[in-house]
Amino acid sequence: MKKTLLIFTVALLLVSCASKNQKAVLDEVARVYNAKTGFSKGFNKTAGKASITYFKIKLSESDIIESMETNHAAANIAVMLYNNFTDEERKEYTHIEVAITRKDSSDKTTKGRIFTIAELKAPGQQAKLFDSFAVAVVNQNYNLAANLIDSQYRKPTTTEEMKSYLSKKIEKQGKIKEFKRTGFALRTVDENKHFVFSGFFIFEDNKELPCYVETYNDPELKYLYNFHID
């Protein structure tokens, strides 16, 4: 009996502990969404089936998510976890689960989505294009931002149009101090699946400017299909 009890206790400790890296990821998600976060870990084993090991993140009290589709926020959060997990952690888990409790008084139920580690690989890589584009915009390197767009869809005037539009915003609202990527969804274009990442820039006056970029679903195509700021 003592031996059985000891093994059970160790299992609980393994489930309830987060690594230093995982804690950093949870803090980053909390920062991006201005949310409270929690987590759990576990595994499911069904006879005759492969074992499932999962990392579950729980979010609540986020005003940002209140204005979003829950599924889009959950998908982006899963991508954030995937991109910030170490290679060892990606091998340790087969699934990432995201559970979101909305603040809306008419719907306080927790909504969850489960993603396999494998299905997060491609969007995880393409999400970096949004981040590169956003960093270029924050640094006012509009030529670099424009050059991330697929050349067959990039207009000769893209750089100057972006510069003109954002320069006027910056003159009135101060420099862009940061950006947040908050959403991820799929869009079908000519029977092909594209990834759409959304978020917003934050100016010095704390006003926000929405932005989205659209990428191909093939990580080998490392450029944007489309973008929109406003």
C-alpha atoms as a PDB file:
ATOM      1  CA  MET A   1       0.000   0.000   0.000  1.00  0.00           C
ATOM      2  CA  LYS A   2       2.792   2.428   0.862  1.00  0.00           C
ATOM      3  CA  LYS A   3       4.570   1.747  -2.420  1.00  0.00           C
ATOM      4  CA  THR A   4       1.388   2.327  -4.441  1.00  0.00           C
ATOM      5  CA  LEU A   5       0.662   5.591  -2.608  1.00  0.00           C
ATOM      6  CA  LEU A   6       4.192   6.900  -3.255  1.00  0.00           C
ATOM      7  CA  ILE A   7       3.934   6.259  -7.015  1.00  0.00           C
ATOM      8  CA  PHE A   8       0.570   8.027  -7.153  1.00  0.00           C
ATOM      9  CA  THR A   9       1.977  11.087  -5.356  1.00  0.00           C
ATOM     10  CA  VAL A  10       4.914  11.371  -7.752  1.00  0.00           C
ATOM     11  CA  ALA A  11       2.506  11.285 -10.668  1.00  0.00           C
ATOM     12  CA  LEU A  12       0.554  14.186  -9.204  1.00  0.00           C
ATOM     13  CA  LEU A  13       3.736  16.237  -8.776  1.00  0.00           C
ATOM     14  CA  LEU A  14       4.721  15.635 -12.378  1.00  0.00           C
ATOM     15  CA  VAL A  15       1.290  16.747 -13.557  1.00  0.00           C
ATOM     16  CA  SER A  16       1.231  19.886 -11.398  1.00  0.00           C
ATOM     17  CA  CYS A  17       4.718  21.300 -12.051  1.00  0.00           C
ATOM     18  CA  ALA A  18       5.572  23.715 -14.871  1.00  0.00           C
ATOM     19  CA  SER A  19       9.079  24.151 -16.187  1.00  0.00           C
ATOM     20  CA  LYS A  20      10.780  27.541 -16.104  1.00  0.00           C
ATOM     21  CA  ASN A  21      10.206  27.837 -19.850  1.00  0.00           C
ATOM     22  CA  GLN A  22       6.526  26.917 -19.565  1.00  0.00           C
ATOM     23  CA  LYS A  23       6.030  29.540 -16.859  1.00  0.00           C
ATOM     24  CA  ALA A  24       7.595  32.118 -19.178  1.00  0.00           C
ATOM     25  CA  VAL A  25       5.177  31.119 -21.957  1.00  0.00           C
ATOM     26  CA  LEU A  26       2.197  31.423 -19.608  1.00  0.00           C
ATOM     27  CA  ASP A  27       3.396  34.886 -18.550  1.00  0.00           C
ATOM     28  CA  GLU A  28       3.736  35.958 -22.193  1.00  0.00           C
ATOM     29  CA  VAL A  29       0.208  34.786 -23.040  1.00  0.00           C
ATOM     30  CA  ALA A  30      -1.094  36.635 -19.973  1.00  0.00           C
ATOM     31  CA  ARG A  31       0.719  39.792 -21.111  1.00  0.00           C
ATOM     32  CA  VAL A  32      -0.533  39.669 -24.709  1.00  0.00           C
ATOM     33  CA  TYR A  33      -4.161  39.080 -23.764  1.00  0.00           C
ATOM     34  CA  ASN A  34      -4.170  40.953 -20.432  1.00  0.00           C
ATOM     35  CA  ALA A  35      -5.536  37.756 -18.945  1.00  0.00           C
ATOM     36  CA  LYS A  36      -5.292  35.462 -15.983  1.00  0.00           C
ATOM     37  CA  THR A  37      -3.680  32.159 -16.932  1.00  0.00           C
ATOM     38  CA  GLY A  38      -3.399  28.738 -15.409  1.00  0.00           C
ATOM     39  CA  PHE A  39      -2.407  25.319 -16.657  1.00  0.00           C
ATOM     40  CA  SER A  40      -2.598  21.603 -16.149  1.00  0.00           C
ATOM     41  CA  LYS A  41      -0.879  18.581 -17.631  1.00  0.00           C
ATOM     42  CA  GLY A  42      -2.051  15.054 -18.069  1.00  0.00           C
ATOM     43  CA  PHE A  43      -2.311  11.953 -20.159  1.00  0.00           C
ATOM     44  CA  ASN A  44      -5.006   9.621 -21.421  1.00  0.00           C
ATOM     45  CA  LYS A  45      -4.441   6.001 -22.205  1.00  0.00           C
ATOM     46  CA  THR A  46      -7.091   3.909 -23.916  1.00  0.00           C
ATOM     47  CA  ALA A  47      -6.521   0.240 -24.597  1.00  0.00           C
ATOM     48  CA  GLY A  48      -5.500  -0.336 -28.175  1.00  0.00           C
ATOM     49  CA  LYS A  49      -4.874   3.369 -28.853  1.00  0.00           C
ATOM     50  CA  ALA A  50      -1.815   5.599 -28.678  1.00  0.00           C
ATOM     51  CA  SER A  51      -1.330   7.512 -25.447  1.00  0.00           C
ATOM     52  CA  ILE A  52      -2.284  11.209 -25.402  1.00  0.00           C
ATOM     53  CA  THR A  53      -0.173  13.586 -23.367  1.00  0.00           C
ATOM     54  CA  TYR A  54      -1.384  17.154 -23.193  1.00  0.00           C
ATOM     55  CA  PHE A  55      -0.520  20.594 -21.876  1.00  0.00           C
ATOM     56  CA  LYS A  56      -3.646  22.595 -21.090  1.00  0.00           C
ATOM     57  CA  ILE A  57      -3.616  26.381 -20.732  1.00  0.00           C
ATOM     58  CA  LYS A  58      -6.579  28.157 -19.123  1.00  0.00           C
ATOM     59  CA  LEU A  59      -7.415  31.823 -19.729  1.00  0.00           C
ATOM     60  CA  SER A  60      -9.938  34.163 -18.155  1.00  0.00           C
ATOM     61  CA  GLU A  61     -10.583  37.862 -17.467  1.00  0.00           C
ATOM     62  CA  SER A  62      -9.373  39.058 -20.895  1.00  0.00           C
ATOM     63  CA  ASP A  63     -11.005  42.150 -22.402  1.00  0.00           C
ATOM     64  CA  ILE A  64      -9.094  41.517 -25.631  1.00  0.00           C
ATOM     65  CA  ILE A  65     -10.702  38.121 -26.143  1.00  0.00           C
ATOM     66  CA  GLU A  66     -14.154  39.610 -25.480  1.00  0.00           C
ATOM     67  CA  SER A  67     -13.961  41.364 -28.860  1.00  0.00           C
ATOM     68  CA  MET A  68     -12.710  38.276 -30.720  1.00  0.00           C
ATOM     69  CA  GLU A  69     -13.896  34.928 -31.991  1.00  0.00           C
ATOM     70  CA  THR A  70     -12.958  32.488 -29.239  1.00  0.00           C
ATOM     71  CA  ASN A  71     -11.678  29.942 -31.759  1.00  0.00           C
ATOM     72  CA  HIS A  72      -9.342  32.487 -33.376  1.00  0.00           C
ATOM     73  CA  ALA A  73      -7.856  33.447 -30.009  1.00  0.00           C
ATOM     74  CA  ALA A  74      -7.503  29.802 -28.951  1.00  0.00           C
ATOM     75  CA  ALA A  75      -5.720  28.887 -32.187  1.00  0.00           C
ATOM     76  CA  ASN A  76      -3.233  31.740 -31.797  1.00  0.00           C
ATOM     77  CA  ILE A  77      -2.563  30.839 -28.166  1.00  0.00           C
ATOM     78  CA  ALA A  78      -1.830  27.257 -29.193  1.00  0.00           C
ATOM     79  CA  VAL A  79       0.612  28.562 -31.820  1.00  0.00           C
ATOM     80  CA  MET A  80       2.262  30.771 -29.178  1.00  0.00           C
ATOM     81  CA  LEU A  81       2.779  27.773 -26.904  1.00  0.00           C
ATOM     82  CA  TYR A  82       4.125  25.657 -29.750  1.00  0.00           C
ATOM     83  CA  ASN A  83       6.606  28.325 -30.847  1.00  0.00           C
ATOM     84  CA  ASN A  84       7.848  28.915 -27.326  1.00  0.00           C
ATOM     85  CA  PHE A  85       8.113  25.277 -26.279  1.00  0.00           C
ATOM     86  CA  THR A  86      11.524  23.656 -26.509  1.00  0.00           C
ATOM     87  CA  ASP A  87      12.097  20.734 -28.881  1.00  0.00           C
ATOM     88  CA  GLU A  88      12.017  18.445 -25.858  1.00  0.00           C
ATOM     89  CA  GLU A  89       8.629  19.819 -24.763  1.00  0.00           C
ATOM     90  CA  ARG A  90       7.207  19.365 -28.256  1.00  0.00           C
ATOM     91  CA  LYS A  91       8.244  15.722 -28.076  1.00  0.00           C
ATOM     92  CA  GLU A  92       6.838  15.339 -24.560  1.00  0.00           C
ATOM     93  CA  TYR A  93       3.285  16.359 -25.504  1.00  0.00           C
ATOM     94  CA  THR A  94       1.038  15.096 -28.282  1.00  0.00           C
ATOM     95  CA  HIS A  95      -1.602  17.815 -27.825  1.00  0.00           C
ATOM     96  CA  ILE A  96      -2.077  21.388 -26.622  1.00  0.00           C
ATOM     97  CA  GLU A  97      -5.467  22.293 -25.187  1.00  0.00           C
ATOM     98  CA  VAL A  98      -6.703  25.870 -24.795  1.00  0.00           C
ATOM     99  CA  ALA A  99      -9.615  26.608 -22.442  1.00  0.00           C
ATOM    100  CA  ILE A 100     -11.057  30.129 -22.448  1.00  0.00           C
ATOM    101  CA  THR A 101     -13.630  31.516 -20.018  1.00  0.00           C
ATOM    102  CA  ARG A 102     -15.168  34.690 -21.405  1.00  0.00           C
ATOM    103  CA  LYS A 103     -16.130  37.661 -19.219  1.00  0.00           C
ATOM    104  CA  ASP A 104     -19.435  38.186 -21.020  1.00  0.00           C
ATOM    105  CA  SER A 105     -22.097  37.735 -18.347  1.00  0.00           C
ATOM    106  CA  SER A 106     -24.402  36.015 -20.841  1.00  0.00           C
ATOM    107  CA  ASP A 107     -21.848  33.310 -21.639  1.00  0.00           C
ATOM    108  CA  LYS A 108     -19.429  32.427 -18.838  1.00  0.00           C
ATOM    109  CA  THR A 109     -18.980  28.846 -19.996  1.00  0.00           C
ATOM    110  CA  THR A 110     -15.443  27.696 -20.651  1.00  0.00           C
ATOM    111  CA  LYS A 111     -14.798  26.935 -24.308  1.00  0.00           C
ATOM    112  CA  GLY A 112     -11.916  24.764 -25.312  1.00  0.00           C
ATOM    113  CA  ARG A 113     -10.044  23.637 -28.387  1.00  0.00           C
ATOM    114  CA  ILE A 114      -7.521  20.840 -28.695  1.00  0.00           C
ATOM    115  CA  PHE A 115      -4.675  20.889 -31.211  1.00  0.00           C
ATOM    116  CA  THR A 116      -2.169  18.197 -32.075  1.00  0.00           C
ATOM    117  CA  ILE A 117       1.474  19.204 -31.923  1.00  0.00           C
ATOM    118  CA  ALA A 118       1.843  18.108 -35.555  1.00  0.00           C
ATOM    119  CA  GLU A 119      -0.883  20.433 -36.871  1.00  0.00           C
ATOM    120  CA  LEU A 120       0.715  23.448 -35.142  1.00  0.00           C
ATOM    121  CA  LYS A 121       4.075  23.092 -36.900  1.00  0.00           C
ATOM    122  CA  ALA A 122       3.193  24.871 -40.171  1.00  0.00           C
ATOM    123  CA  PRO A 123       1.234  27.796 -38.642  1.00  0.00           C
ATOM    124  CA  GLY A 124       3.941  28.088 -36.001  1.00  0.00           C
ATOM    125  CA  GLN A 125       6.511  28.733 -38.702  1.00  0.00           C
ATOM    126  CA  GLN A 126       4.293  31.074 -40.735  1.00  0.00           C
ATOM    127  CA  ALA A 127       3.302  33.098 -37.653  1.00  0.00           C
ATOM    128  CA  LYS A 128       6.881  34.343 -37.607  1.00  0.00           C
ATOM    129  CA  LEU A 129       6.120  36.213 -40.859  1.00  0.00           C
ATOM    130  CA  PHE A 130       3.520  38.293 -39.017  1.00  0.00           C
ATOM    131  CA  ASP A 131       6.062  39.001 -36.295  1.00  0.00           C
ATOM    132  CA  SER A 132       8.754  39.990 -38.824  1.00  0.00           C
ATOM    133  CA  PHE A 133       6.316  42.225 -40.675  1.00  0.00           C
ATOM    134  CA  ALA A 134       5.151  43.856 -37.433  1.00  0.00           C
ATOM    135  CA  VAL A 135       8.700  44.448 -36.180  1.00  0.00           C
ATOM    136  CA  ALA A 136       9.574  46.126 -39.489  1.00  0.00           C
ATOM    137  CA  VAL A 137       6.538  48.409 -39.172  1.00  0.00           C
ATOM    138  CA  VAL A 138       7.356  49.281 -35.548  1.00  0.00           C
ATOM    139  CA  ASN A 139      10.893  50.180 -36.658  1.00  0.00           C
ATOM    140  CA  GLN A 140       9.461  52.199 -39.573  1.00  0.00           C
ATOM    141  CA  ASN A 141      11.354  50.000 -42.017  1.00  0.00           C
ATOM    142  CA  TYR A 142       8.552  50.005 -44.577  1.00  0.00           C
ATOM    143  CA  ASN A 143      10.726  48.749 -47.403  1.00  0.00           C
ATOM    144  CA  LEU A 144      11.552  45.621 -45.415  1.00  0.00           C
ATOM    145  CA  ALA A 145       7.879  45.144 -44.538  1.00  0.00           C
ATOM    146  CA  ALA A 146       6.868  45.490 -48.203  1.00  0.00           C
ATOM    147  CA  ASN A 147       9.552  43.053 -49.321  1.00  0.00           C
ATOM    148  CA  LEU A 148       7.975  40.339 -47.184  1.00  0.00           C
ATOM    149  CA  ILE A 149       4.998  40.350 -49.570  1.00  0.00           C
ATOM    150  CA  ASP A 150       4.949  37.907 -52.476  1.00  0.00           C
ATOM    151  CA  SER A 151       6.378  39.836 -55.433  1.00  0.00           C
ATOM    152  CA  GLN A 152       3.514  38.833 -57.726  1.00  0.00           C
ATOM    153  CA  TYR A 153       1.062  40.637 -55.427  1.00  0.00           C
ATOM    154  CA  ARG A 154       3.262  43.490 -54.195  1.00  0.00           C
ATOM    155  CA  LYS A 155       2.577  46.841 -55.838  1.00  0.00           C
ATOM    156  CA  PRO A 156       5.454  49.179 -56.748  1.00  0.00           C
ATOM    157  CA  THR A 157       3.804  51.782 -54.520  1.00  0.00           C
ATOM    158  CA  THR A 158       3.344  49.558 -51.445  1.00  0.00           C
ATOM    159  CA  THR A 159       6.317  50.960 -49.523  1.00  0.00           C
ATOM    160  CA  GLU A 160       5.404  54.600 -50.067  1.00  0.00           C
ATOM    161  CA  GLU A 161       1.710  54.042 -49.389  1.00  0.00           C
ATOM    162  CA  MET A 162       2.511  52.303 -46.108  1.00  0.00           C
ATOM    163  CA  LYS A 163       4.983  55.019 -45.131  1.00  0.00           C
ATOM    164  CA  SER A 164       2.568  57.840 -45.956  1.00  0.00           C
ATOM    165  CA  TYR A 165      -0.343  56.289 -44.073  1.00  0.00           C
ATOM    166  CA  LEU A 166       1.584  55.335 -40.945  1.00  0.00           C
ATOM    167  CA  SER A 167       3.629  58.537 -40.824  1.00  0.00           C
ATOM    168  CA  LYS A 168       0.398  60.508 -40.472  1.00  0.00           C
ATOM    169  CA  LYS A 169      -0.726  58.224 -37.672  1.00  0.00           C
ATOM    170  CA  ILE A 170       2.617  58.548 -35.892  1.00  0.00           C
ATOM    171  CA  GLU A 171       2.568  62.334 -36.191  1.00  0.00           C
ATOM    172  CA  LYS A 172      -0.773  62.445 -34.365  1.00  0.00           C
ATOM    173  CA  GLN A 173      -0.443  59.532 -31.962  1.00  0.00           C
ATOM    174  CA  GLY A 174       3.279  59.141 -31.345  1.00  0.00           C
ATOM    175  CA  LYS A 175       5.462  56.239 -32.355  1.00  0.00           C
ATOM    176  CA  ILE A 176       4.272  52.649 -32.394  1.00  0.00           C
ATOM    177  CA  LYS A 177       5.606  51.184 -29.174  1.00  0.00           C
ATOM    178  CA  GLU A 178       4.590  47.544 -29.609  1.00  0.00           C
ATOM    179  CA  PHE A 179       2.421  45.045 -31.442  1.00  0.00           C
ATOM    180  CA  LYS A 180       0.383  42.069 -30.322  1.00  0.00           C
ATOM    181  CA  ARG A 181      -0.541  39.022 -32.419  1.00  0.00           C
ATOM    182  CA  THR A 182      -3.848  37.786 -31.021  1.00  0.00           C
ATOM    183  CA  GLY A 183      -5.682  35.725 -33.647  1.00  0.00           C
ATOM    184  CA  PHE A 184      -5.169  32.881 -36.088  1.00  0.00           C
ATOM    185  CA  ALA A 185      -7.648  31.463 -38.611  1.00  0.00           C
ATOM    186  CA  LEU A 186      -7.830  29.631 -41.927  1.00  0.00           C
ATOM    187  CA  ARG A 187      -9.094  31.071 -45.202  1.00  0.00           C
ATOM    188  CA  THR A 188      -9.742  29.232 -48.458  1.00  0.00           C
ATOM    189  CA  VAL A 189      -8.394  30.848 -51.632  1.00  0.00           C
ATOM    190  CA  ASP A 190      -8.964  28.984 -54.904  1.00  0.00           C
ATOM    191  CA  GLU A 191      -9.334  25.716 -52.970  1.00  0.00           C
ATOM    192  CA  ASN A 192      -6.060  26.369 -51.138  1.00  0.00           C
ATOM    193  CA  LYS A 193      -5.866  26.939 -47.397  1.00  0.00           C
ATOM    194  CA  HIS A 194      -4.203  30.165 -46.256  1.00  0.00           C
ATOM    195  CA  PHE A 195      -3.236  31.189 -42.738  1.00  0.00           C
ATOM    196  CA  VAL A 196      -4.551  34.527 -41.456  1.00  0.00           C
ATOM    197  CA  PHE A 197      -2.854  36.082 -38.418  1.00  0.00           C
ATOM    198  CA  SER A 198      -4.397  39.134 -36.787  1.00  0.00           C
ATOM    199  CA  GLY A 199      -3.444  41.571 -34.078  1.00  0.00           C
ATOM    200  CA  PHE A 200      -2.838  45.268 -33.512  1.00  0.00           C
ATOM    201  CA  PHE A 201      -0.198  47.934 -33.098  1.00  0.00           C
ATOM    202  CA  ILE A 202      -0.163  50.163 -30.010  1.00  0.00           C
ATOM    203  CA  PHE A 203       0.867  53.825 -30.290  1.00  0.00           C
ATOM    204  CA  GLU A 204       2.391  56.001 -27.589  1.00  0.00           C
ATOM    205  CA  ASP A 205      -1.073  57.412 -26.845  1.00  0.00           C
ATOM    206  CA  ASN A 206      -2.173  53.781 -26.210  1.00  0.00           C
ATOM    207  CA  LYS A 207      -4.575  53.763 -29.143  1.00  0.00           C
ATOM    208  CA  GLU A 208      -4.650  50.587 -31.210  1.00  0.00           C
ATOM    209  CA  LEU A 209      -4.421  50.006 -34.959  1.00  0.00           C
ATOM    210  CA  PRO A 210      -5.691  46.615 -36.209  1.00  0.00           C
ATOM    211  CA  CYS A 211      -3.556  44.598 -38.588  1.00  0.00           C
ATOM    212  CA  TYR A 212      -3.720  41.222 -40.284  1.00  0.00           C
ATOM    213  CA  VAL A 213      -1.446  39.316 -42.606  1.00  0.00           C
ATOM    214  CA  GLU A 214      -2.264  36.348 -44.780  1.00  0.00           C
ATOM    215  CA  THR A 215       0.312  33.668 -45.546  1.00  0.00           C
ATOM    216  CA  TYR A 216       0.473  30.463 -47.517  1.00  0.00           C
ATOM    217  CA  ASN A 217       0.037  27.243 -45.547  1.00  0.00           C
ATOM    218  CA  ASP A 218       3.290  25.879 -46.929  1.00  0.00           C
ATOM    219  CA  PRO A 219       6.219  26.940 -44.685  1.00  0.00           C
ATOM    220  CA  GLU A 220       8.491  26.748 -47.729  1.00  0.00           C
ATOM    221  CA  LEU A 221       6.692  29.818 -49.095  1.00  0.00           C
ATOM    222  CA  LYS A 222       8.179  32.347 -46.690  1.00  0.00           C
ATOM    223  CA  TYR A 223       6.325  35.472 -47.775  1.00  0.00           C
ATOM    224  CA  LEU A 224       2.958  37.130 -47.345  1.00  0.00           C
ATOM    225  CA  TYR A 225       0.056  36.658 -49.687  1.00  0.00           C
ATOM    226  CA  ASN A 226      -1.697  39.769 -48.422  1.00  0.00           C
ATOM    227  CA  PHE A 227      -1.837  42.247 -45.535  1.00  0.00           C
ATOM    228  CA  HIS A 228      -4.095  44.974 -44.233  1.00  0.00           C
ATOM    229  CA  ILE A 229      -3.518  47.717 -41.661  1.00  0.00           C
ATOM    230  CA  ASP A 230      -6.478  49.701 -40.276  1.00  0.00           C
END
